[in-house]
Amino acid sequence: MKSSSEQMSEMLQSVLQHENETIQAIWFLYAQNKSYKEISAIFGLTPSFVALLVNEIKEKVVAKSYS
């Protein structure tokens, strides 16, 4: 039986494989503890938009966990 962290990792990978490269890169930087401000500077986005994108991924993972 898989641990909950392994299951969560698989769900995240499943969600991210359907996202474009920019979203994947944003998530990678977020996972590396970069701030929304740092990520926004890299991509030329506002920090609030980066936060929105990160939260959308989190919501998709949660939704997948209940499906």
PDB file of N, CA and C in Angstrom:
ATOM      1  N   MET A   1       0.839  -1.182   0.000  1.00  0.00           N
ATOM      2  CA  MET A   1       0.000   0.000   0.000  1.00  0.00           C
ATOM      3  C   MET A   1       0.885   1.247   0.000  1.00  0.00           C
ATOM      4  N   LYS A   2       0.491   2.233  -0.785  1.00  0.00           N
ATOM      5  CA  LYS A   2       1.276   3.463  -0.899  1.00  0.00           C
ATOM      6  C   LYS A   2       0.980   4.400   0.260  1.00  0.00           C
ATOM      7  N   SER A   3       2.004   5.141   0.646  1.00  0.00           N
ATOM      8  CA  SER A   3       1.810   6.137   1.704  1.00  0.00           C
ATOM      9  C   SER A   3       1.010   7.309   1.144  1.00  0.00           C
ATOM     10  N   SER A   4       0.466   8.115   2.035  1.00  0.00           N
ATOM     11  CA  SER A   4      -0.331   9.254   1.584  1.00  0.00           C
ATOM     12  C   SER A   4       0.526  10.260   0.821  1.00  0.00           C
ATOM     13  N   SER A   5       1.791  10.409   1.189  1.00  0.00           N
ATOM     14  CA  SER A   5       2.656  11.335   0.454  1.00  0.00           C
ATOM     15  C   SER A   5       2.948  10.814  -0.952  1.00  0.00           C
ATOM     16  N   GLU A   6       3.083   9.497  -1.090  1.00  0.00           N
ATOM     17  CA  GLU A   6       3.275   8.917  -2.420  1.00  0.00           C
ATOM     18  C   GLU A   6       2.033   9.106  -3.275  1.00  0.00           C
ATOM     19  N   GLN A   7       0.865   8.911  -2.669  1.00  0.00           N
ATOM     20  CA  GLN A   7      -0.383   9.108  -3.399  1.00  0.00           C
ATOM     21  C   GLN A   7      -0.542  10.565  -3.820  1.00  0.00           C
ATOM     22  N   MET A   8      -0.219  11.491  -2.926  1.00  0.00           N
ATOM     23  CA  MET A   8      -0.323  12.913  -3.232  1.00  0.00           C
ATOM     24  C   MET A   8       0.643  13.284  -4.349  1.00  0.00           C
ATOM     25  N   SER A   9       1.842  12.740  -4.312  1.00  0.00           N
ATOM     26  CA  SER A   9       2.838  13.005  -5.349  1.00  0.00           C
ATOM     27  C   SER A   9       2.343  12.516  -6.709  1.00  0.00           C
ATOM     28  N   GLU A  10       1.747  11.339  -6.743  1.00  0.00           N
ATOM     29  CA  GLU A  10       1.214  10.800  -7.990  1.00  0.00           C
ATOM     30  C   GLU A  10       0.061  11.657  -8.523  1.00  0.00           C
ATOM     31  N   MET A  11      -0.805  12.132  -7.628  1.00  0.00           N
ATOM     32  CA  MET A  11      -1.912  12.985  -8.053  1.00  0.00           C
ATOM     33  C   MET A  11      -1.381  14.299  -8.610  1.00  0.00           C
ATOM     34  N   LEU A  12      -0.373  14.863  -7.948  1.00  0.00           N
ATOM     35  CA  LEU A  12       0.223  16.110  -8.418  1.00  0.00           C
ATOM     36  C   LEU A  12       0.839  15.906  -9.796  1.00  0.00           C
ATOM     37  N   GLN A  13       1.582  14.833  -9.978  1.00  0.00           N
ATOM     38  CA  GLN A  13       2.187  14.546 -11.284  1.00  0.00           C
ATOM     39  C   GLN A  13       1.119  14.387 -12.353  1.00  0.00           C
ATOM     40  N   SER A  14       0.033  13.730 -12.006  1.00  0.00           N
ATOM     41  CA  SER A  14      -1.065  13.537 -12.946  1.00  0.00           C
ATOM     42  C   SER A  14      -1.686  14.872 -13.351  1.00  0.00           C
ATOM     43  N   VAL A  15      -1.862  15.754 -12.394  1.00  0.00           N
ATOM     44  CA  VAL A  15      -2.422  17.079 -12.684  1.00  0.00           C
ATOM     45  C   VAL A  15      -1.450  17.886 -13.536  1.00  0.00           C
ATOM     46  N   LEU A  16      -0.188  17.907 -13.154  1.00  0.00           N
ATOM     47  CA  LEU A  16       0.792  18.735 -13.857  1.00  0.00           C
ATOM     48  C   LEU A  16       1.048  18.288 -15.291  1.00  0.00           C
ATOM     49  N   GLN A  17       0.896  17.004 -15.567  1.00  0.00           N
ATOM     50  CA  GLN A  17       1.153  16.537 -16.930  1.00  0.00           C
ATOM     51  C   GLN A  17       0.148  17.105 -17.923  1.00  0.00           C
ATOM     52  N   HIS A  18      -0.992  17.597 -17.420  1.00  0.00           N
ATOM     53  CA  HIS A  18      -1.999  18.196 -18.285  1.00  0.00           C
ATOM     54  C   HIS A  18      -1.876  19.712 -18.366  1.00  0.00           C
ATOM     55  N   GLU A  19      -0.894  20.258 -17.688  1.00  0.00           N
ATOM     56  CA  GLU A  19      -0.686  21.712 -17.687  1.00  0.00           C
ATOM     57  C   GLU A  19       0.430  22.076 -18.658  1.00  0.00           C
ATOM     58  N   ASN A  20       0.455  23.341 -19.072  1.00  0.00           N
ATOM     59  CA  ASN A  20       1.513  23.763 -19.990  1.00  0.00           C
ATOM     60  C   ASN A  20       2.836  23.923 -19.245  1.00  0.00           C
ATOM     61  N   GLU A  21       3.906  24.132 -20.017  1.00  0.00           N
ATOM     62  CA  GLU A  21       5.247  24.183 -19.435  1.00  0.00           C
ATOM     63  C   GLU A  21       5.408  25.347 -18.458  1.00  0.00           C
ATOM     64  N   THR A  22       4.749  26.459 -18.725  1.00  0.00           N
ATOM     65  CA  THR A  22       4.857  27.607 -17.823  1.00  0.00           C
ATOM     66  C   THR A  22       4.284  27.279 -16.456  1.00  0.00           C
ATOM     67  N   ILE A  23       3.118  26.663 -16.437  1.00  0.00           N
ATOM     68  CA  ILE A  23       2.486  26.282 -15.170  1.00  0.00           C
ATOM     69  C   ILE A  23       3.363  25.268 -14.449  1.00  0.00           C
ATOM     70  N   GLN A  24       3.902  24.315 -15.177  1.00  0.00           N
ATOM     71  CA  GLN A  24       4.790  23.320 -14.573  1.00  0.00           C
ATOM     72  C   GLN A  24       6.020  23.993 -13.972  1.00  0.00           C
ATOM     73  N   ALA A  25       6.593  24.965 -14.680  1.00  0.00           N
ATOM     74  CA  ALA A  25       7.772  25.669 -14.181  1.00  0.00           C
ATOM     75  C   ALA A  25       7.433  26.496 -12.944  1.00  0.00           C
ATOM     76  N   ILE A  26       6.272  27.129 -12.955  1.00  0.00           N
ATOM     77  CA  ILE A  26       5.836  27.894 -11.786  1.00  0.00           C
ATOM     78  C   ILE A  26       5.705  26.971 -10.589  1.00  0.00           C
ATOM     79  N   TRP A  27       5.085  25.818 -10.783  1.00  0.00           N
ATOM     80  CA  TRP A  27       4.938  24.872  -9.671  1.00  0.00           C
ATOM     81  C   TRP A  27       6.302  24.388  -9.183  1.00  0.00           C
ATOM     82  N   PHE A  28       7.213  24.109 -10.117  1.00  0.00           N
ATOM     83  CA  PHE A  28       8.550  23.660  -9.731  1.00  0.00           C
ATOM     84  C   PHE A  28       9.229  24.707  -8.848  1.00  0.00           C
ATOM     85  N   LEU A  29       9.164  25.968  -9.242  1.00  0.00           N
ATOM     86  CA  LEU A  29       9.779  27.027  -8.451  1.00  0.00           C
ATOM     87  C   LEU A  29       9.094  27.182  -7.096  1.00  0.00           C
ATOM     88  N   TYR A  30       7.775  27.062  -7.089  1.00  0.00           N
ATOM     89  CA  TYR A  30       7.023  27.128  -5.833  1.00  0.00           C
ATOM     90  C   TYR A  30       7.468  25.992  -4.902  1.00  0.00           C
ATOM     91  N   ALA A  31       7.637  24.812  -5.469  1.00  0.00           N
ATOM     92  CA  ALA A  31       8.061  23.648  -4.681  1.00  0.00           C
ATOM     93  C   ALA A  31       9.498  23.815  -4.164  1.00  0.00           C
ATOM     94  N   GLN A  32      10.260  24.683  -4.809  1.00  0.00           N
ATOM     95  CA  GLN A  32      11.623  24.980  -4.373  1.00  0.00           C
ATOM     96  C   GLN A  32      11.655  26.149  -3.388  1.00  0.00           C
ATOM     97  N   ASN A  33      10.484  26.472  -2.837  1.00  0.00           N
ATOM     98  CA  ASN A  33      10.324  27.536  -1.834  1.00  0.00           C
ATOM     99  C   ASN A  33      10.610  28.939  -2.345  1.00  0.00           C
ATOM    100  N   LYS A  34      10.428  29.154  -3.649  1.00  0.00           N
ATOM    101  CA  LYS A  34      10.528  30.507  -4.183  1.00  0.00           C
ATOM    102  C   LYS A  34       9.243  31.249  -3.823  1.00  0.00           C
ATOM    103  N   SER A  35       9.362  32.516  -3.545  1.00  0.00           N
ATOM    104  CA  SER A  35       8.185  33.312  -3.188  1.00  0.00           C
ATOM    105  C   SER A  35       7.394  33.656  -4.456  1.00  0.00           C
ATOM    106  N   TYR A  36       6.139  34.032  -4.240  1.00  0.00           N
ATOM    107  CA  TYR A  36       5.322  34.465  -5.376  1.00  0.00           C
ATOM    108  C   TYR A  36       5.983  35.651  -6.067  1.00  0.00           C
ATOM    109  N   LYS A  37       6.595  36.523  -5.292  1.00  0.00           N
ATOM    110  CA  LYS A  37       7.263  37.703  -5.845  1.00  0.00           C
ATOM    111  C   LYS A  37       8.446  37.287  -6.724  1.00  0.00           C
ATOM    112  N   GLU A  38       9.250  36.331  -6.253  1.00  0.00           N
ATOM    113  CA  GLU A  38      10.387  35.855  -7.049  1.00  0.00           C
ATOM    114  C   GLU A  38       9.915  35.195  -8.342  1.00  0.00           C
ATOM    115  N   ILE A  39       8.889  34.369  -8.238  1.00  0.00           N
ATOM    116  CA  ILE A  39       8.371  33.670  -9.415  1.00  0.00           C
ATOM    117  C   ILE A  39       7.775  34.679 -10.393  1.00  0.00           C
ATOM    118  N   SER A  40       7.044  35.653  -9.876  1.00  0.00           N
ATOM    119  CA  SER A  40       6.414  36.641 -10.758  1.00  0.00           C
ATOM    120  C   SER A  40       7.461  37.443 -11.527  1.00  0.00           C
ATOM    121  N   ALA A  41       8.592  37.738 -10.890  1.00  0.00           N
ATOM    122  CA  ALA A  41       9.664  38.476 -11.563  1.00  0.00           C
ATOM    123  C   ALA A  41      10.253  37.667 -12.713  1.00  0.00           C
ATOM    124  N   ILE A  42      10.363  36.377 -12.542  1.00  0.00           N
ATOM    125  CA  ILE A  42      10.913  35.503 -13.586  1.00  0.00           C
ATOM    126  C   ILE A  42      10.007  35.471 -14.809  1.00  0.00           C
ATOM    127  N   PHE A  43       8.700  35.407 -14.580  1.00  0.00           N
ATOM    128  CA  PHE A  43       7.752  35.224 -15.683  1.00  0.00           C
ATOM    129  C   PHE A  43       7.065  36.511 -16.130  1.00  0.00           C
ATOM    130  N   GLY A  44       7.347  37.607 -15.448  1.00  0.00           N
ATOM    131  CA  GLY A  44       6.712  38.866 -15.819  1.00  0.00           C
ATOM    132  C   GLY A  44       5.235  38.901 -15.486  1.00  0.00           C
ATOM    133  N   LEU A  45       4.875  38.247 -14.395  1.00  0.00           N
ATOM    134  CA  LEU A  45       3.485  38.198 -13.934  1.00  0.00           C
ATOM    135  C   LEU A  45       3.381  38.926 -12.604  1.00  0.00           C
ATOM    136  N   THR A  46       2.173  39.187 -12.168  1.00  0.00           N
ATOM    137  CA  THR A  46       2.010  39.768 -10.840  1.00  0.00           C
ATOM    138  C   THR A  46       2.070  38.647  -9.799  1.00  0.00           C
ATOM    139  N   PRO A  47       2.515  38.970  -8.588  1.00  0.00           N
ATOM    140  CA  PRO A  47       2.526  37.947  -7.531  1.00  0.00           C
ATOM    141  C   PRO A  47       1.138  37.368  -7.263  1.00  0.00           C
ATOM    142  N   SER A  48       0.109  38.189  -7.363  1.00  0.00           N
ATOM    143  CA  SER A  48      -1.241  37.676  -7.109  1.00  0.00           C
ATOM    144  C   SER A  48      -1.674  36.680  -8.185  1.00  0.00           C
ATOM    145  N   PHE A  49      -1.233  36.887  -9.429  1.00  0.00           N
ATOM    146  CA  PHE A  49      -1.573  35.933 -10.486  1.00  0.00           C
ATOM    147  C   PHE A  49      -0.831  34.622 -10.283  1.00  0.00           C
ATOM    148  N   VAL A  50       0.423  34.700  -9.859  1.00  0.00           N
ATOM    149  CA  VAL A  50       1.188  33.487  -9.550  1.00  0.00           C
ATOM    150  C   VAL A  50       0.495  32.723  -8.426  1.00  0.00           C
ATOM    151  N   ALA A  51       0.050  33.439  -7.401  1.00  0.00           N
ATOM    152  CA  ALA A  51      -0.667  32.798  -6.286  1.00  0.00           C
ATOM    153  C   ALA A  51      -1.929  32.106  -6.799  1.00  0.00           C
ATOM    154  N   LEU A  52      -2.632  32.756  -7.692  1.00  0.00           N
ATOM    155  CA  LEU A  52      -3.844  32.162  -8.275  1.00  0.00           C
ATOM    156  C   LEU A  52      -3.507  30.864  -9.000  1.00  0.00           C
ATOM    157  N   LEU A  53      -2.461  30.888  -9.815  1.00  0.00           N
ATOM    158  CA  LEU A  53      -2.076  29.684 -10.561  1.00  0.00           C
ATOM    159  C   LEU A  53      -1.679  28.543  -9.622  1.00  0.00           C
ATOM    160  N   VAL A  54      -0.912  28.851  -8.602  1.00  0.00           N
ATOM    161  CA  VAL A  54      -0.491  27.829  -7.632  1.00  0.00           C
ATOM    162  C   VAL A  54      -1.715  27.255  -6.917  1.00  0.00           C
ATOM    163  N   ASN A  55      -2.621  28.119  -6.516  1.00  0.00           N
ATOM    164  CA  ASN A  55      -3.819  27.648  -5.815  1.00  0.00           C
ATOM    165  C   ASN A  55      -4.722  26.826  -6.719  1.00  0.00           C
ATOM    166  N   GLU A  56      -4.770  27.143  -7.996  1.00  0.00           N
ATOM    167  CA  GLU A  56      -5.557  26.332  -8.926  1.00  0.00           C
ATOM    168  C   GLU A  56      -4.996  24.917  -9.016  1.00  0.00           C
ATOM    169  N   ILE A  57      -3.674  24.790  -9.034  1.00  0.00           N
ATOM    170  CA  ILE A  57      -3.062  23.456  -9.051  1.00  0.00           C
ATOM    171  C   ILE A  57      -3.403  22.712  -7.764  1.00  0.00           C
ATOM    172  N   LYS A  58      -3.291  23.392  -6.633  1.00  0.00           N
ATOM    173  CA  LYS A  58      -3.641  22.757  -5.356  1.00  0.00           C
ATOM    174  C   LYS A  58      -5.085  22.270  -5.370  1.00  0.00           C
ATOM    175  N   GLU A  59      -5.995  23.096  -5.869  1.00  0.00           N
ATOM    176  CA  GLU A  59      -7.409  22.714  -5.923  1.00  0.00           C
ATOM    177  C   GLU A  59      -7.627  21.515  -6.834  1.00  0.00           C
ATOM    178  N   LYS A  60      -6.915  21.466  -7.956  1.00  0.00           N
ATOM    179  CA  LYS A  60      -7.056  20.328  -8.874  1.00  0.00           C
ATOM    180  C   LYS A  60      -6.563  19.041  -8.219  1.00  0.00           C
ATOM    181  N   VAL A  61      -5.478  19.128  -7.451  1.00  0.00           N
ATOM    182  CA  VAL A  61      -4.961  17.946  -6.757  1.00  0.00           C
ATOM    183  C   VAL A  61      -5.966  17.476  -5.712  1.00  0.00           C
ATOM    184  N   VAL A  62      -6.533  18.402  -4.961  1.00  0.00           N
ATOM    185  CA  VAL A  62      -7.531  18.046  -3.950  1.00  0.00           C
ATOM    186  C   VAL A  62      -8.745  17.418  -4.613  1.00  0.00           C
ATOM    187  N   ALA A  63      -9.206  18.017  -5.706  1.00  0.00           N
ATOM    188  CA  ALA A  63     -10.369  17.475  -6.418  1.00  0.00           C
ATOM    189  C   ALA A  63     -10.078  16.076  -6.934  1.00  0.00           C
ATOM    190  N   LYS A  64      -8.870  15.852  -7.423  1.00  0.00           N
ATOM    191  CA  LYS A  64      -8.485  14.524  -7.914  1.00  0.00           C
ATOM    192  C   LYS A  64      -8.465  13.507  -6.776  1.00  0.00           C
ATOM    193  N   SER A  65      -8.108  13.952  -5.588  1.00  0.00           N
ATOM    194  CA  SER A  65      -8.052  13.031  -4.454  1.00  0.00           C
ATOM    195  C   SER A  65      -9.439  12.545  -4.052  1.00  0.00           C
ATOM    196  N   TYR A  66     -10.461  13.311  -4.403  1.00  0.00           N
ATOM    197  CA  TYR A  66     -11.825  12.902  -4.075  1.00  0.00           C
ATOM    198  C   TYR A  66     -12.538  12.203  -5.207  1.00  0.00           C
ATOM    199  N   SER A  67     -11.872  12.069  -6.351  1.00  0.00           N
ATOM    200  CA  SER A  67     -12.534  11.421  -7.488  1.00  0.00           C
ATOM    201  C   SER A  67     -12.208   9.940  -7.553  1.00  0.00           C
TER     202      SER A  67
END
